[in-house]
Amino acid sequence: MTTTTINQSEKKYWKLIEELGDFLGYNTDEMHALMKYKFLSYKQDMLGDEMVVIPSTSKLNSKDFEDYLSKVEEFASTLGLPSKS
């Protein structure tokens, strides 16, 4: 995946996050956090306590980011948000 493709995917993602947030009544920061929690979070044992880890999208490789974007797009479509892509 080229840098141009990655930038296009990131722009598409942030546009979708903005549209989804407007549709549901959240700002972009809240919507981004909600989507990361919903699709990227996992539980990990840390010093005997179970913690929820939410990775940064900027740390995802291009394939993982595309997979994440697809899940967010699918989620948006299940809510009836019209696809603008």
N, C-alpha and C. Protein backbone atom coordinates (compact mmCIF):
# COMPACT_ATOMS: atom_id res chain seq x y z
N MET A 1 0.85 -1.17 0.00
CA MET A 1 0.00 0.00 0.00
C MET A 1 0.90 1.24 0.00
N THR A 2 0.62 2.16 -0.88
CA THR A 2 1.46 3.35 -1.00
C THR A 2 1.07 4.40 0.03
N THR A 3 1.95 5.38 0.20
CA THR A 3 1.68 6.48 1.12
C THR A 3 0.42 7.23 0.69
N THR A 4 0.23 7.41 -0.62
CA THR A 4 -0.97 8.08 -1.13
C THR A 4 -2.22 7.30 -0.76
N THR A 5 -2.18 5.98 -0.91
CA THR A 5 -3.33 5.15 -0.55
C THR A 5 -3.61 5.23 0.94
N ILE A 6 -2.56 5.22 1.75
CA ILE A 6 -2.73 5.32 3.20
C ILE A 6 -3.37 6.66 3.55
N ASN A 7 -2.87 7.74 2.96
CA ASN A 7 -3.45 9.06 3.24
C ASN A 7 -4.91 9.12 2.81
N GLN A 8 -5.25 8.50 1.68
CA GLN A 8 -6.64 8.48 1.23
C GLN A 8 -7.50 7.69 2.22
N SER A 9 -6.98 6.59 2.71
CA SER A 9 -7.72 5.79 3.69
C SER A 9 -7.94 6.57 4.98
N GLU A 10 -6.91 7.30 5.42
CA GLU A 10 -7.05 8.11 6.64
C GLU A 10 -8.07 9.22 6.44
N LYS A 11 -8.05 9.87 5.29
CA LYS A 11 -9.03 10.92 5.00
C LYS A 11 -10.44 10.34 4.97
N LYS A 12 -10.57 9.19 4.34
CA LYS A 12 -11.87 8.51 4.28
C LYS A 12 -12.36 8.17 5.69
N TYR A 13 -11.44 7.66 6.51
CA TYR A 13 -11.78 7.31 7.89
C TYR A 13 -12.28 8.53 8.67
N TRP A 14 -11.52 9.62 8.63
CA TRP A 14 -11.91 10.80 9.42
C TRP A 14 -13.19 11.43 8.91
N LYS A 15 -13.44 11.36 7.61
CA LYS A 15 -14.71 11.84 7.05
C LYS A 15 -15.86 10.98 7.57
N LEU A 16 -15.66 9.68 7.57
CA LEU A 16 -16.68 8.76 8.08
C LEU A 16 -16.91 8.97 9.57
N ILE A 17 -15.85 9.17 10.34
CA ILE A 17 -15.99 9.42 11.78
C ILE A 17 -16.79 10.69 12.03
N GLU A 18 -16.52 11.72 11.23
CA GLU A 18 -17.26 12.98 11.36
C GLU A 18 -18.74 12.77 11.03
N GLU A 19 -19.02 12.09 9.93
CA GLU A 19 -20.40 11.83 9.52
C GLU A 19 -21.13 10.95 10.53
N LEU A 20 -20.46 9.93 11.01
CA LEU A 20 -21.05 9.04 12.00
C LEU A 20 -21.32 9.78 13.30
N GLY A 21 -20.39 10.62 13.72
CA GLY A 21 -20.59 11.43 14.92
C GLY A 21 -21.76 12.38 14.78
N ASP A 22 -21.86 13.05 13.63
CA ASP A 22 -23.00 13.95 13.39
C ASP A 22 -24.31 13.17 13.44
N PHE A 23 -24.31 11.98 12.85
CA PHE A 23 -25.50 11.13 12.79
C PHE A 23 -25.94 10.67 14.18
N LEU A 24 -24.96 10.39 15.05
CA LEU A 24 -25.26 9.85 16.38
C LEU A 24 -25.20 10.88 17.51
N GLY A 25 -24.72 12.09 17.21
CA GLY A 25 -24.66 13.13 18.22
C GLY A 25 -23.38 13.18 19.03
N TYR A 26 -22.27 12.72 18.44
CA TYR A 26 -20.98 12.76 19.11
C TYR A 26 -20.02 13.64 18.31
N ASN A 27 -19.02 14.22 18.99
CA ASN A 27 -18.00 14.95 18.25
C ASN A 27 -16.99 13.93 17.70
N THR A 28 -16.06 14.40 16.87
CA THR A 28 -15.14 13.46 16.21
C THR A 28 -14.22 12.74 17.21
N ASP A 29 -13.78 13.44 18.24
CA ASP A 29 -12.91 12.78 19.24
C ASP A 29 -13.66 11.66 19.96
N GLU A 30 -14.90 11.93 20.34
CA GLU A 30 -15.71 10.92 21.02
C GLU A 30 -15.97 9.72 20.10
N MET A 31 -16.32 10.01 18.85
CA MET A 31 -16.64 8.94 17.91
C MET A 31 -15.41 8.10 17.61
N HIS A 32 -14.27 8.74 17.45
CA HIS A 32 -13.01 8.02 17.22
C HIS A 32 -12.71 7.11 18.41
N ALA A 33 -12.86 7.62 19.62
CA ALA A 33 -12.61 6.81 20.82
C ALA A 33 -13.58 5.63 20.90
N LEU A 34 -14.84 5.88 20.59
CA LEU A 34 -15.85 4.81 20.63
C LEU A 34 -15.54 3.70 19.62
N MET A 35 -15.15 4.09 18.41
CA MET A 35 -14.86 3.09 17.38
C MET A 35 -13.60 2.31 17.72
N LYS A 36 -12.59 2.99 18.26
CA LYS A 36 -11.38 2.27 18.68
C LYS A 36 -11.73 1.26 19.77
N TYR A 37 -12.54 1.67 20.74
CA TYR A 37 -12.92 0.75 21.81
C TYR A 37 -13.71 -0.43 21.25
N LYS A 38 -14.66 -0.13 20.37
CA LYS A 38 -15.53 -1.18 19.82
C LYS A 38 -14.75 -2.20 18.99
N PHE A 39 -13.82 -1.73 18.16
CA PHE A 39 -13.20 -2.62 17.18
C PHE A 39 -11.73 -2.96 17.42
N LEU A 40 -11.04 -2.23 18.28
CA LEU A 40 -9.61 -2.49 18.46
C LEU A 40 -9.23 -2.94 19.87
N SER A 41 -10.10 -2.72 20.85
CA SER A 41 -9.72 -2.99 22.23
C SER A 41 -9.59 -4.49 22.51
N TYR A 42 -8.76 -4.80 23.46
CA TYR A 42 -8.59 -6.17 23.92
C TYR A 42 -8.19 -6.14 25.39
N LYS A 43 -8.39 -7.26 26.06
CA LYS A 43 -8.05 -7.36 27.47
C LYS A 43 -6.67 -7.98 27.61
N GLN A 44 -5.93 -7.46 28.60
CA GLN A 44 -4.57 -7.95 28.86
C GLN A 44 -4.33 -7.95 30.36
N ASP A 45 -3.68 -9.00 30.81
CA ASP A 45 -3.34 -9.09 32.22
C ASP A 45 -2.11 -8.23 32.49
N MET A 46 -2.24 -7.32 33.47
CA MET A 46 -1.11 -6.47 33.86
C MET A 46 -0.97 -6.52 35.37
N LEU A 47 0.08 -7.15 35.82
CA LEU A 47 0.38 -7.25 37.25
C LEU A 47 -0.79 -7.84 38.03
N GLY A 48 -1.44 -8.85 37.44
CA GLY A 48 -2.52 -9.53 38.11
C GLY A 48 -3.90 -8.90 37.92
N ASP A 49 -3.96 -7.76 37.25
CA ASP A 49 -5.24 -7.11 36.97
C ASP A 49 -5.54 -7.17 35.48
N GLU A 50 -6.80 -7.41 35.17
CA GLU A 50 -7.20 -7.41 33.77
C GLU A 50 -7.47 -5.97 33.33
N MET A 51 -6.78 -5.54 32.31
CA MET A 51 -6.90 -4.16 31.82
C MET A 51 -7.41 -4.19 30.38
N VAL A 52 -8.14 -3.15 30.00
CA VAL A 52 -8.56 -2.99 28.62
C VAL A 52 -7.54 -2.11 27.91
N VAL A 53 -6.99 -2.61 26.83
CA VAL A 53 -6.00 -1.89 26.05
C VAL A 53 -6.67 -1.42 24.76
N ILE A 54 -6.50 -0.14 24.45
CA ILE A 54 -7.07 0.42 23.22
C ILE A 54 -5.92 0.99 22.40
N PRO A 55 -5.51 0.28 21.36
CA PRO A 55 -4.38 0.73 20.56
C PRO A 55 -4.67 2.02 19.80
N SER A 56 -3.62 2.73 19.48
CA SER A 56 -3.72 3.93 18.66
C SER A 56 -3.86 3.53 17.20
N THR A 57 -4.75 4.17 16.47
CA THR A 57 -4.88 3.86 15.05
C THR A 57 -3.62 4.23 14.28
N SER A 58 -2.87 5.20 14.77
CA SER A 58 -1.64 5.60 14.07
C SER A 58 -0.55 4.53 14.17
N LYS A 59 -0.72 3.58 15.08
CA LYS A 59 0.26 2.50 15.24
C LYS A 59 -0.11 1.26 14.41
N LEU A 60 -1.29 1.28 13.77
CA LEU A 60 -1.72 0.14 12.96
C LEU A 60 -0.95 0.12 11.65
N ASN A 61 -0.62 -1.08 11.17
CA ASN A 61 -0.03 -1.16 9.84
C ASN A 61 -1.15 -0.96 8.81
N SER A 62 -0.80 -0.83 7.55
CA SER A 62 -1.80 -0.47 6.54
C SER A 62 -2.91 -1.52 6.41
N LYS A 63 -2.57 -2.81 6.48
CA LYS A 63 -3.60 -3.85 6.38
C LYS A 63 -4.55 -3.79 7.57
N ASP A 64 -3.99 -3.65 8.77
CA ASP A 64 -4.83 -3.59 9.97
C ASP A 64 -5.72 -2.35 9.95
N PHE A 65 -5.19 -1.22 9.44
CA PHE A 65 -6.00 -0.01 9.36
C PHE A 65 -7.14 -0.21 8.36
N GLU A 66 -6.87 -0.85 7.23
CA GLU A 66 -7.92 -1.11 6.24
C GLU A 66 -8.99 -2.04 6.83
N ASP A 67 -8.57 -3.04 7.59
CA ASP A 67 -9.53 -3.94 8.25
C ASP A 67 -10.39 -3.16 9.24
N TYR A 68 -9.76 -2.30 10.01
CA TYR A 68 -10.46 -1.46 10.98
C TYR A 68 -11.46 -0.54 10.27
N LEU A 69 -11.01 0.11 9.20
CA LEU A 69 -11.88 1.00 8.43
C LEU A 69 -13.08 0.24 7.89
N SER A 70 -12.87 -0.96 7.41
CA SER A 70 -13.98 -1.78 6.90
C SER A 70 -15.01 -2.08 7.99
N LYS A 71 -14.53 -2.36 9.19
CA LYS A 71 -15.45 -2.63 10.31
C LYS A 71 -16.26 -1.38 10.66
N VAL A 72 -15.62 -0.22 10.65
CA VAL A 72 -16.32 1.03 10.95
C VAL A 72 -17.35 1.32 9.86
N GLU A 73 -16.98 1.09 8.60
CA GLU A 73 -17.91 1.29 7.49
C GLU A 73 -19.12 0.36 7.60
N GLU A 74 -18.86 -0.89 7.93
CA GLU A 74 -19.94 -1.86 8.09
C GLU A 74 -20.86 -1.45 9.25
N PHE A 75 -20.27 -1.02 10.35
CA PHE A 75 -21.05 -0.56 11.50
C PHE A 75 -21.93 0.62 11.11
N ALA A 76 -21.36 1.59 10.38
CA ALA A 76 -22.12 2.76 9.95
C ALA A 76 -23.29 2.35 9.06
N SER A 77 -23.07 1.40 8.18
CA SER A 77 -24.14 0.97 7.28
C SER A 77 -25.26 0.26 8.04
N THR A 78 -24.93 -0.47 9.13
CA THR A 78 -25.97 -1.14 9.91
C THR A 78 -26.85 -0.14 10.65
N LEU A 79 -26.32 1.07 10.86
CA LEU A 79 -27.10 2.11 11.52
C LEU A 79 -27.95 2.92 10.54
N GLY A 80 -27.75 2.66 9.25
CA GLY A 80 -28.50 3.39 8.24
C GLY A 80 -27.80 4.64 7.75
N LEU A 81 -26.55 4.83 8.11
CA LEU A 81 -25.81 5.99 7.61
C LEU A 81 -25.51 5.74 6.14
N PRO A 82 -25.98 6.64 5.27
CA PRO A 82 -25.74 6.42 3.85
C PRO A 82 -24.26 6.46 3.51
N SER A 83 -23.82 5.54 2.68
CA SER A 83 -22.41 5.50 2.26
C SER A 83 -22.15 6.61 1.25
N LYS A 84 -21.09 7.38 1.50
CA LYS A 84 -20.74 8.47 0.60
C LYS A 84 -19.45 8.19 -0.14
N SER A 85 -18.99 6.94 -0.11
CA SER A 85 -17.72 6.62 -0.76
C SER A 85 -17.93 6.18 -2.19
